[in-house]
N, C-alpha and C. Protein backbone atom coordinates (compact mmCIF):
# COMPACT_ATOMS: atom_id res chain seq x y z
N MET A 1 10.48 38.27 -4.35
CA MET A 1 10.60 36.65 -4.79
C MET A 1 9.05 36.66 -4.34
N SER A 2 8.33 35.85 -5.81
CA SER A 2 6.43 36.21 -5.91
C SER A 2 6.60 34.27 -5.49
N LYS A 3 5.06 34.49 -4.26
CA LYS A 3 4.98 32.92 -4.17
C LYS A 3 3.95 32.60 -5.31
N PRO A 4 4.05 31.26 -5.09
CA PRO A 4 3.01 30.56 -6.21
C PRO A 4 1.34 31.01 -5.41
N LEU A 5 0.17 30.70 -6.43
CA LEU A 5 -0.79 30.81 -5.85
C LEU A 5 -1.12 30.05 -5.31
N GLY A 6 -0.74 28.58 -5.02
CA GLY A 6 -0.65 27.73 -4.04
C GLY A 6 -1.19 27.85 -3.23
N GLY A 7 0.25 28.68 -2.73
CA GLY A 7 1.38 28.85 -1.51
C GLY A 7 0.23 30.02 -0.67
N LEU A 8 -0.45 30.74 -1.12
CA LEU A 8 -0.88 31.50 -0.53
C LEU A 8 -2.31 30.86 0.06
N MET A 9 -2.80 30.28 -0.80
CA MET A 9 -4.01 29.43 -0.30
C MET A 9 -3.92 28.37 0.24
N ALA A 10 -2.79 27.64 0.39
CA ALA A 10 -2.14 26.73 1.41
C ALA A 10 -2.25 27.77 2.92
N ARG A 11 -1.74 29.00 2.95
CA ARG A 11 -1.61 29.79 4.24
C ARG A 11 -3.35 29.78 4.51
N MET A 12 -3.60 30.42 3.90
CA MET A 12 -4.93 30.57 4.14
C MET A 12 -6.17 29.77 4.50
N ILE A 13 -6.19 28.86 3.86
CA ILE A 13 -6.57 27.51 4.01
C ILE A 13 -6.88 27.23 5.62
N VAL A 14 -5.11 27.28 5.89
CA VAL A 14 -4.71 27.32 7.28
C VAL A 14 -5.46 27.92 8.48
N SER A 15 -4.79 28.73 7.97
CA SER A 15 -5.83 30.32 9.56
C SER A 15 -7.48 29.94 9.23
N ASP A 16 -8.00 29.91 8.06
CA ASP A 16 -9.25 29.56 8.18
C ASP A 16 -10.41 28.99 6.95
N HIS A 17 -10.13 27.75 7.34
CA HIS A 17 -10.47 26.67 6.80
C HIS A 17 -11.91 26.83 6.18
N ASP A 18 -12.52 26.70 6.98
CA ASP A 18 -14.47 26.88 6.82
C ASP A 18 -14.42 28.12 5.38
N TYR A 19 -14.35 29.57 5.47
CA TYR A 19 -14.57 30.45 5.32
C TYR A 19 -13.29 30.23 3.40
N VAL A 20 -12.00 29.47 3.71
CA VAL A 20 -11.77 29.56 2.58
C VAL A 20 -12.61 28.49 1.50
N THR A 21 -12.98 27.67 1.83
CA THR A 21 -13.57 26.58 1.02
C THR A 21 -14.54 27.02 0.44
N ASN A 22 -15.47 27.46 1.21
CA ASN A 22 -16.60 28.28 0.70
C ASN A 22 -16.72 29.18 0.07
N LYS A 23 -15.63 29.96 0.40
CA LYS A 23 -15.80 31.04 -0.98
C LYS A 23 -15.04 30.78 -2.36
N TYR A 24 -13.60 30.13 -2.32
CA TYR A 24 -12.85 29.82 -3.22
C TYR A 24 -13.21 28.55 -3.51
N ARG A 25 -13.25 28.75 -4.77
CA ARG A 25 -13.13 26.98 -5.73
C ARG A 25 -11.61 26.62 -5.94
N LEU A 26 -11.39 26.10 -4.84
CA LEU A 26 -9.93 25.27 -4.68
C LEU A 26 -9.66 24.54 -5.61
N HIS A 27 -10.87 23.47 -6.39
CA HIS A 27 -10.22 22.37 -6.73
C HIS A 27 -9.61 22.92 -8.50
N LYS A 28 -10.25 24.27 -8.98
CA LYS A 28 -9.76 25.15 -10.00
C LYS A 28 -8.36 25.29 -9.95
N LEU A 29 -7.83 25.33 -8.46
CA LEU A 29 -6.28 25.74 -8.98
C LEU A 29 -5.23 24.99 -9.83
N LYS A 30 -4.74 23.95 -9.66
CA LYS A 30 -4.33 23.54 -10.40
C LYS A 30 -4.60 23.83 -11.77
N GLU A 31 -5.81 23.82 -12.38
CA GLU A 31 -6.12 23.99 -13.60
C GLU A 31 -5.32 25.52 -13.99
N ILE A 32 -5.74 26.51 -13.24
CA ILE A 32 -5.45 28.01 -13.18
C ILE A 32 -3.87 27.98 -13.37
N GLU A 33 -3.30 27.23 -12.40
CA GLU A 33 -1.77 27.31 -12.84
C GLU A 33 -1.19 26.92 -13.89
N ASP A 34 -1.15 25.44 -14.87
CA ASP A 34 -1.56 24.86 -15.51
C ASP A 34 -1.56 25.73 -16.56
N PHE A 35 -3.01 26.72 -16.76
CA PHE A 35 -3.13 27.58 -17.87
C PHE A 35 -1.86 28.90 -17.62
N VAL A 36 -2.02 29.33 -16.89
CA VAL A 36 -0.84 30.59 -16.52
C VAL A 36 0.62 29.46 -17.33
N ALA A 37 1.17 28.66 -16.45
CA ALA A 37 2.03 27.91 -17.06
C ALA A 37 2.12 28.05 -18.59
N ALA A 38 1.59 27.38 -19.37
CA ALA A 38 1.53 26.79 -20.65
C ALA A 38 1.46 28.43 -21.32
N ALA A 39 0.68 29.44 -20.56
CA ALA A 39 0.52 30.76 -21.48
C ALA A 39 1.85 31.26 -21.68
N VAL A 40 2.72 31.12 -20.46
CA VAL A 40 4.12 31.53 -20.06
C VAL A 40 5.31 30.94 -20.96
N GLN A 41 4.80 29.62 -21.00
CA GLN A 41 5.93 28.26 -21.71
C GLN A 41 6.87 28.26 -20.63
N VAL A 42 6.41 27.79 -19.61
CA VAL A 42 7.26 27.68 -18.05
C VAL A 42 6.48 25.78 -17.58
N ASN A 43 7.54 25.39 -16.72
CA ASN A 43 6.76 24.08 -16.33
C ASN A 43 6.78 24.54 -14.79
N VAL A 44 5.51 23.91 -14.43
CA VAL A 44 5.26 24.18 -13.02
C VAL A 44 5.91 23.68 -12.30
N PRO A 45 6.75 23.76 -11.40
CA PRO A 45 7.72 22.91 -10.38
C PRO A 45 7.19 21.62 -9.67
N PHE A 46 7.90 20.54 -10.01
CA PHE A 46 7.66 19.72 -9.37
C PHE A 46 7.50 19.90 -7.69
N ASN A 47 7.62 20.58 -7.02
CA ASN A 47 7.78 21.32 -5.68
C ASN A 47 6.83 22.50 -5.13
N ASN A 48 5.91 22.20 -6.72
CA ASN A 48 5.11 24.12 -5.96
C ASN A 48 4.18 23.20 -5.40
N PRO A 49 3.84 24.49 -3.95
CA PRO A 49 2.82 24.16 -3.19
C PRO A 49 1.45 23.68 -3.51
N VAL A 50 1.44 22.75 -3.05
CA VAL A 50 0.08 21.90 -3.20
C VAL A 50 -0.51 21.46 -4.65
N THR A 51 -0.17 21.98 -5.73
CA THR A 51 -0.35 21.36 -6.87
C THR A 51 0.71 20.60 -7.66
N GLY A 52 2.16 20.87 -7.19
CA GLY A 52 3.15 20.34 -7.54
C GLY A 52 3.13 18.39 -7.43
N VAL A 53 3.69 18.06 -8.45
CA VAL A 53 3.50 16.52 -8.37
C VAL A 53 4.43 15.69 -7.31
N CYS A 54 4.97 16.78 -6.38
CA CYS A 54 5.26 15.93 -4.79
C CYS A 54 4.78 16.56 -3.78
N ALA A 55 3.28 17.69 -3.97
CA ALA A 55 2.98 18.25 -2.84
C ALA A 55 2.31 17.40 -1.92
N PHE A 56 1.98 16.17 -2.84
CA PHE A 56 1.03 15.29 -1.57
C PHE A 56 1.52 13.58 -1.36
N THR A 57 2.98 13.77 -1.59
CA THR A 57 3.72 12.61 -2.37
C THR A 57 4.46 12.24 -0.92
N HIS A 58 4.35 10.83 -0.96
CA HIS A 58 4.72 10.76 0.94
C HIS A 58 5.68 9.17 0.34
N LYS A 59 6.83 8.99 0.72
CA LYS A 59 8.23 7.83 -0.16
C LYS A 59 8.55 7.04 1.20
N ALA A 60 9.01 7.81 2.53
CA ALA A 60 10.24 6.97 3.82
C ALA A 60 8.76 5.91 4.38
N GLY A 61 9.17 5.08 4.89
CA GLY A 61 8.61 4.06 4.99
C GLY A 61 7.85 4.51 6.49
N ILE A 62 8.28 5.29 7.69
CA ILE A 62 7.60 6.00 8.80
C ILE A 62 6.89 6.96 8.45
N HIS A 63 6.99 7.56 7.68
CA HIS A 63 6.48 8.86 7.15
C HIS A 63 5.31 8.29 6.63
N ALA A 64 5.19 7.21 5.16
CA ALA A 64 4.43 6.38 5.13
C ALA A 64 3.01 5.76 5.62
N LYS A 65 3.61 5.06 6.69
CA LYS A 65 2.83 4.78 7.93
C LYS A 65 2.14 6.25 8.26
N ALA A 66 2.67 6.58 9.04
CA ALA A 66 2.01 7.84 9.57
C ALA A 66 0.54 8.32 8.70
N ILE A 67 0.89 8.61 7.56
CA ILE A 67 -0.15 9.26 6.44
C ILE A 67 -1.39 8.30 6.67
N LEU A 68 -0.45 6.77 6.47
CA LEU A 68 -1.89 5.90 5.88
C LEU A 68 -2.94 5.73 7.71
N ALA A 69 -1.89 6.17 8.32
CA ALA A 69 -2.79 5.81 10.03
C ALA A 69 -3.35 7.56 10.42
N ASN A 70 -3.19 8.19 9.99
CA ASN A 70 -3.65 9.31 10.65
C ASN A 70 -2.87 10.60 9.46
N PRO A 71 -3.69 10.94 8.05
CA PRO A 71 -2.99 11.65 7.45
C PRO A 71 -2.46 13.11 7.67
N SER A 72 -3.50 13.79 8.84
CA SER A 72 -2.86 14.93 9.28
C SER A 72 -1.55 15.36 10.24
N THR A 73 -1.50 13.99 10.27
CA THR A 73 -0.06 13.65 11.02
C THR A 73 1.34 14.43 9.97
N TYR A 74 1.23 14.04 9.18
CA TYR A 74 2.43 15.10 8.07
C TYR A 74 1.53 15.93 6.85
N GLU A 75 0.67 15.90 6.84
CA GLU A 75 -0.58 17.15 5.97
C GLU A 75 -1.51 17.93 6.67
N ILE A 76 -0.63 19.16 7.10
CA ILE A 76 -1.44 20.06 7.41
C ILE A 76 -2.40 20.90 6.57
N ILE A 77 -2.88 20.34 5.28
CA ILE A 77 -3.91 20.72 4.52
C ILE A 77 -4.56 19.40 3.78
N ASN A 78 -5.26 19.37 3.64
CA ASN A 78 -6.17 17.78 2.88
C ASN A 78 -6.39 18.46 1.18
N PRO A 79 -5.28 16.93 0.82
CA PRO A 79 -5.09 17.47 -0.61
C PRO A 79 -6.61 17.81 -1.76
N ALA A 80 -7.69 16.91 -0.68
CA ALA A 80 -8.81 16.77 -1.40
C ALA A 80 -9.90 17.94 -1.42
N ASP A 81 -9.44 19.12 -0.55
CA ASP A 81 -9.63 20.45 -0.63
C ASP A 81 -9.38 21.09 -1.70
N PHE A 82 -8.26 20.31 -2.17
CA PHE A 82 -7.98 21.47 -3.59
C PHE A 82 -8.21 20.40 -4.84
N GLY A 83 -9.06 19.40 -4.40
CA GLY A 83 -8.93 18.58 -6.06
C GLY A 83 -7.77 17.68 -6.24
N MET A 84 -7.00 17.73 -5.55
CA MET A 84 -5.20 16.55 -5.71
C MET A 84 -5.99 15.26 -4.24
N SER A 85 -4.58 14.23 -5.00
CA SER A 85 -4.74 13.13 -4.23
C SER A 85 -3.72 13.06 -3.56
N ARG A 86 -3.09 11.84 -2.70
CA ARG A 86 -2.51 11.91 -1.61
C ARG A 86 -1.75 10.46 -2.81
N TYR A 87 -0.87 10.61 -2.74
CA TYR A 87 0.04 9.08 -3.11
C TYR A 87 1.37 8.89 -2.33
N LEU A 88 0.91 7.60 -2.55
CA LEU A 88 2.38 6.89 -1.78
C LEU A 88 3.50 6.60 -2.86
N HIS A 89 4.25 6.65 -2.63
CA HIS A 89 5.46 6.57 -3.67
C HIS A 89 6.02 5.07 -3.20
N ILE A 90 6.05 3.87 -3.53
CA ILE A 90 6.23 2.58 -3.06
C ILE A 90 7.27 2.52 -3.84
N GLN A 91 8.05 2.43 -4.88
CA GLN A 91 8.82 1.80 -6.12
C GLN A 91 9.86 2.78 -5.55
N SER A 92 10.45 2.89 -4.05
CA SER A 92 11.49 3.21 -3.66
C SER A 92 12.50 2.37 -3.17
N ARG A 93 13.33 2.24 -2.62
CA ARG A 93 14.63 1.97 -1.43
C ARG A 93 14.01 2.35 -0.12
N LEU A 94 13.85 2.94 -0.13
CA LEU A 94 13.17 4.17 0.85
C LEU A 94 12.07 3.47 1.97
N THR A 95 11.25 2.99 0.43
CA THR A 95 9.38 2.23 1.43
C THR A 95 9.57 1.47 2.44
N GLY A 96 8.42 1.15 2.81
CA GLY A 96 8.31 0.44 4.38
C GLY A 96 7.37 -0.34 4.11
N TRP A 97 7.19 -1.19 4.54
CA TRP A 97 6.28 -2.62 4.33
C TRP A 97 5.05 -2.14 4.77
N ASN A 98 4.39 -1.20 5.54
CA ASN A 98 3.53 -0.96 5.62
C ASN A 98 2.46 -0.32 4.25
N ALA A 99 3.38 0.71 3.60
CA ALA A 99 2.98 0.99 2.38
C ALA A 99 2.73 0.32 1.44
N ILE A 100 4.08 -0.88 1.23
CA ILE A 100 3.68 -1.95 0.56
C ILE A 100 2.21 -2.98 0.38
N LYS A 101 1.97 -3.25 1.91
CA LYS A 101 0.70 -3.71 2.42
C LYS A 101 -0.31 -2.91 2.36
N ALA A 102 -0.61 -1.94 2.43
CA ALA A 102 -1.38 -0.79 1.59
C ALA A 102 -1.56 -0.94 0.44
N ARG A 103 -0.70 -1.16 -0.33
CA ARG A 103 -0.58 -1.33 -2.07
C ARG A 103 -1.37 -2.82 -2.31
N VAL A 104 -0.94 -4.27 -1.45
CA VAL A 104 -1.48 -5.07 -1.64
C VAL A 104 -2.81 -5.12 -1.38
N GLU A 105 -3.07 -4.48 -0.85
CA GLU A 105 -5.03 -4.37 -0.30
C GLU A 105 -5.56 -3.74 -1.40
N GLN A 106 -4.96 -2.53 -1.63
CA GLN A 106 -5.54 -1.78 -3.10
C GLN A 106 -5.89 -2.87 -4.21
N LEU A 107 -4.68 -3.86 -4.50
CA LEU A 107 -4.97 -4.62 -5.37
C LEU A 107 -5.84 -5.95 -5.41
N GLY A 108 -6.51 -6.11 -4.28
CA GLY A 108 -7.30 -7.23 -3.57
C GLY A 108 -6.65 -8.41 -3.84
N LEU A 109 -5.72 -8.28 -2.60
CA LEU A 109 -4.78 -9.39 -2.61
C LEU A 109 -4.45 -9.30 -1.44
N ASN A 110 -4.47 -11.01 -1.11
CA ASN A 110 -3.90 -11.32 0.63
C ASN A 110 -2.71 -11.43 0.57
N MET A 111 -2.35 -11.17 1.85
CA MET A 111 -0.46 -11.64 2.17
C MET A 111 -0.72 -11.38 3.69
N SER A 112 0.34 -12.43 4.46
CA SER A 112 0.10 -12.20 5.71
C SER A 112 1.27 -10.80 5.78
N ASP A 113 1.53 -10.48 6.57
CA ASP A 113 2.45 -9.48 7.22
C ASP A 113 4.09 -9.20 6.97
N ASP A 114 4.32 -10.98 7.31
CA ASP A 114 5.73 -11.65 7.22
C ASP A 114 5.93 -11.69 5.59
N LYS A 115 5.03 -12.08 4.77
CA LYS A 115 5.42 -12.14 3.70
C LYS A 115 5.62 -11.44 2.92
N ILE A 116 4.25 -10.24 3.49
CA ILE A 116 4.74 -8.40 2.81
C ILE A 116 5.76 -7.71 3.12
N LYS A 117 6.67 -8.07 4.43
CA LYS A 117 8.08 -7.65 5.07
C LYS A 117 8.70 -8.25 3.90
N LEU A 118 8.54 -9.49 3.53
CA LEU A 118 10.04 -10.15 2.65
C LEU A 118 9.56 -9.52 1.31
N LEU A 119 8.50 -9.24 0.40
CA LEU A 119 8.24 -8.30 -0.30
C LEU A 119 8.60 -7.28 -0.20
N THR A 120 8.22 -6.94 0.70
CA THR A 120 9.16 -5.44 1.00
C THR A 120 10.57 -5.07 0.65
N GLY A 121 11.63 -6.34 1.12
CA GLY A 121 12.91 -6.57 0.53
C GLY A 121 13.28 -6.68 -0.68
N LYS A 122 12.31 -7.59 -1.29
CA LYS A 122 12.70 -7.61 -2.70
C LYS A 122 12.56 -6.37 -3.74
N ILE A 123 11.59 -5.92 -3.12
CA ILE A 123 11.09 -4.61 -4.24
C ILE A 123 12.27 -2.90 -3.72
N LYS A 124 12.71 -2.97 -2.55
CA LYS A 124 13.35 -2.14 -2.08
C LYS A 124 15.01 -2.44 -2.95
N ALA A 125 15.65 -3.77 -2.96
CA ALA A 125 16.41 -4.29 -3.74
C ALA A 125 16.44 -4.13 -4.80
N MET A 126 15.57 -4.22 -5.71
CA MET A 126 15.43 -3.78 -7.09
C MET A 126 15.31 -1.80 -7.04
N ALA A 127 14.75 -1.45 -6.64
CA ALA A 127 14.90 -0.37 -6.71
C ALA A 127 16.11 0.64 -6.39
N ASP A 128 17.19 -0.56 -5.91
CA ASP A 128 18.35 0.18 -5.78
C ASP A 128 19.52 -0.17 -7.23
N VAL A 129 18.72 -1.34 -7.72
CA VAL A 129 19.10 -1.53 -9.31
C VAL A 129 18.70 -0.53 -9.96
N ARG A 130 17.91 0.04 -10.04
CA ARG A 130 17.15 0.41 -11.17
C ARG A 130 15.84 1.44 -10.87
N VAL A 131 15.62 2.10 -11.69
CA VAL A 131 13.98 3.25 -11.42
C VAL A 131 12.64 1.82 -11.53
N LEU A 132 11.95 2.05 -10.84
CA LEU A 132 10.57 1.16 -10.84
C LEU A 132 9.57 2.29 -10.71
N THR A 133 8.81 1.88 -11.97
CA THR A 133 7.35 2.35 -11.95
C THR A 133 6.66 1.39 -11.24
N MET A 134 5.19 2.09 -10.90
CA MET A 134 3.96 1.40 -10.40
C MET A 134 4.03 0.28 -11.19
N ASP A 135 3.93 0.04 -12.03
CA ASP A 135 3.73 -1.23 -13.28
C ASP A 135 4.46 -2.07 -12.59
N ASP A 136 5.95 -1.78 -12.93
CA ASP A 136 6.70 -2.94 -12.04
C ASP A 136 6.66 -3.32 -10.84
N THR A 137 6.20 -2.37 -10.03
CA THR A 137 6.30 -2.54 -8.65
C THR A 137 4.40 -3.61 -8.52
N ASP A 138 4.01 -3.18 -9.10
CA ASP A 138 2.40 -4.18 -9.20
C ASP A 138 2.91 -5.63 -9.79
N SER A 139 3.06 -5.47 -10.78
CA SER A 139 3.70 -7.12 -11.66
C SER A 139 4.56 -7.81 -10.47
N VAL A 140 5.86 -7.57 -9.73
CA VAL A 140 6.19 -7.99 -8.44
C VAL A 140 5.33 -8.47 -7.60
N ILE A 141 4.21 -7.20 -6.64
CA ILE A 141 3.34 -8.04 -6.00
C ILE A 141 2.55 -9.42 -6.45
N ARG A 142 2.22 -9.07 -7.77
CA ARG A 142 1.39 -10.16 -8.52
C ARG A 142 1.83 -11.52 -8.64
N SER A 143 3.40 -11.01 -9.11
CA SER A 143 4.08 -12.60 -9.34
C SER A 143 5.00 -13.52 -8.04
N TYR A 144 4.60 -12.32 -6.83
CA TYR A 144 5.17 -13.03 -5.45
C TYR A 144 3.64 -14.00 -5.19
N VAL A 145 2.72 -13.57 -5.25
CA VAL A 145 1.47 -13.80 -4.63
C VAL A 145 1.29 -15.28 -6.12
N GLU A 146 1.14 -14.93 -7.15
CA GLU A 146 1.43 -15.81 -7.93
C GLU A 146 2.37 -17.33 -8.04
N ALA A 147 3.16 -16.98 -7.51
CA ALA A 147 4.39 -17.78 -7.25
C ALA A 147 3.86 -18.97 -5.86
N GLY A 148 3.13 -18.30 -4.97
CA GLY A 148 2.88 -18.86 -3.56
C GLY A 148 3.74 -18.93 -3.15
N LEU A 149 4.42 -17.51 -3.07
CA LEU A 149 5.17 -17.32 -2.21
C LEU A 149 4.44 -16.78 -1.01
N ASP A 150 3.37 -17.00 -0.58
CA ASP A 150 2.50 -15.97 0.64
C ASP A 150 1.80 -17.69 1.10
């Protein structure tokens, strides 16, 4: 069974980070994998090492809290080495209040921890009913602040 190029590069970077980052243009990996996938008319798997859409996605509460505090707790490799980004999936029933707090701060809004915890409950309840997008979640956050619920 063949392994994706991202898997090979991930193994290499763990064994000798400086050598690999200096020798290879790792930020091109996603572009190369997408090019090959298009040429052979297949989709890059969502769980592809390093370049899959889920490679650096974090969802569950305690997991997201650890990533916010110290990314190396759950990421043995830095997504930036590959030109990739970390993503906190907050529009889920599994999200935790620390992830919601980080998003509130990214939006430039102010809210107490107690209110963020209430807001998190609302988002989790909504996510149990239907799939939420980031826009949905941001709208809930903004409407919560605008309604003076903080």
